[in-house]
Protein backbone atom coordinates (compact mmCIF):
# COMPACT_ATOMS: atom_id res chain seq x y z
CA MET A 1 -65.56 -30.65 -32.37
CA ASN A 2 -64.80 -30.30 -35.97
CA THR A 3 -64.06 -27.12 -37.93
CA GLU A 4 -67.46 -27.13 -39.76
CA ALA A 5 -69.31 -27.26 -36.37
CA THR A 6 -67.24 -24.61 -34.94
CA HIS A 7 -67.84 -22.38 -38.02
CA ASP A 8 -71.63 -22.88 -37.80
CA GLN A 9 -71.62 -21.94 -34.16
CA ASN A 10 -69.55 -18.91 -34.84
CA GLU A 11 -72.10 -17.71 -37.42
CA ALA A 12 -74.97 -18.09 -34.92
CA LEU A 13 -73.12 -15.84 -32.30
CA THR A 14 -73.51 -12.07 -32.22
CA THR A 15 -70.51 -9.93 -32.79
CA GLY A 16 -70.44 -9.06 -29.17
CA ALA A 17 -70.54 -12.74 -28.14
CA ARG A 18 -67.76 -13.63 -30.58
CA LEU A 19 -65.63 -10.72 -29.11
CA ARG A 20 -66.33 -11.81 -25.49
CA ASN A 21 -65.70 -15.45 -26.23
CA ALA A 22 -62.37 -14.68 -28.02
CA ARG A 23 -61.25 -12.22 -25.18
CA GLU A 24 -62.09 -14.72 -22.45
CA GLN A 25 -60.20 -17.59 -24.39
CA LEU A 26 -57.13 -15.33 -24.51
CA GLY A 27 -57.55 -14.40 -20.79
CA LEU A 28 -57.81 -10.66 -21.61
CA SER A 29 -59.73 -8.06 -19.79
CA GLN A 30 -61.93 -5.54 -21.40
CA GLN A 31 -59.30 -2.98 -20.57
CA ALA A 32 -56.60 -4.90 -22.39
CA VAL A 33 -58.74 -5.33 -25.49
CA ALA A 34 -59.67 -1.77 -25.40
CA GLU A 35 -56.03 -0.70 -25.28
CA ARG A 36 -55.04 -3.12 -28.12
CA LEU A 37 -57.89 -1.79 -30.28
CA CYS A 38 -57.44 1.98 -29.39
CA LEU A 39 -61.03 2.00 -28.03
CA LYS A 40 -62.59 3.05 -24.80
CA VAL A 41 -63.50 0.35 -22.34
CA SER A 42 -67.13 1.45 -22.59
CA THR A 43 -67.05 0.77 -26.28
CA VAL A 44 -65.78 -2.75 -25.78
CA ARG A 45 -68.37 -3.34 -23.03
CA ASP A 46 -71.13 -1.89 -25.41
CA ILE A 47 -70.08 -4.22 -28.32
CA GLU A 48 -70.02 -7.32 -25.94
CA GLU A 49 -73.55 -6.39 -24.64
CA ASP A 50 -75.00 -5.95 -28.12
């Protein structure tokens, strides 16, 4: 897949979907993301469920 196609797909995704995809690609849990961003796990979960 080329960069332009990837860019177009990212624009179509919601913020929550983009966060979830990035987190999963990195093999991180919601807990790990929450700790790195100084957020509650429930906040990360809510963002991903947008």
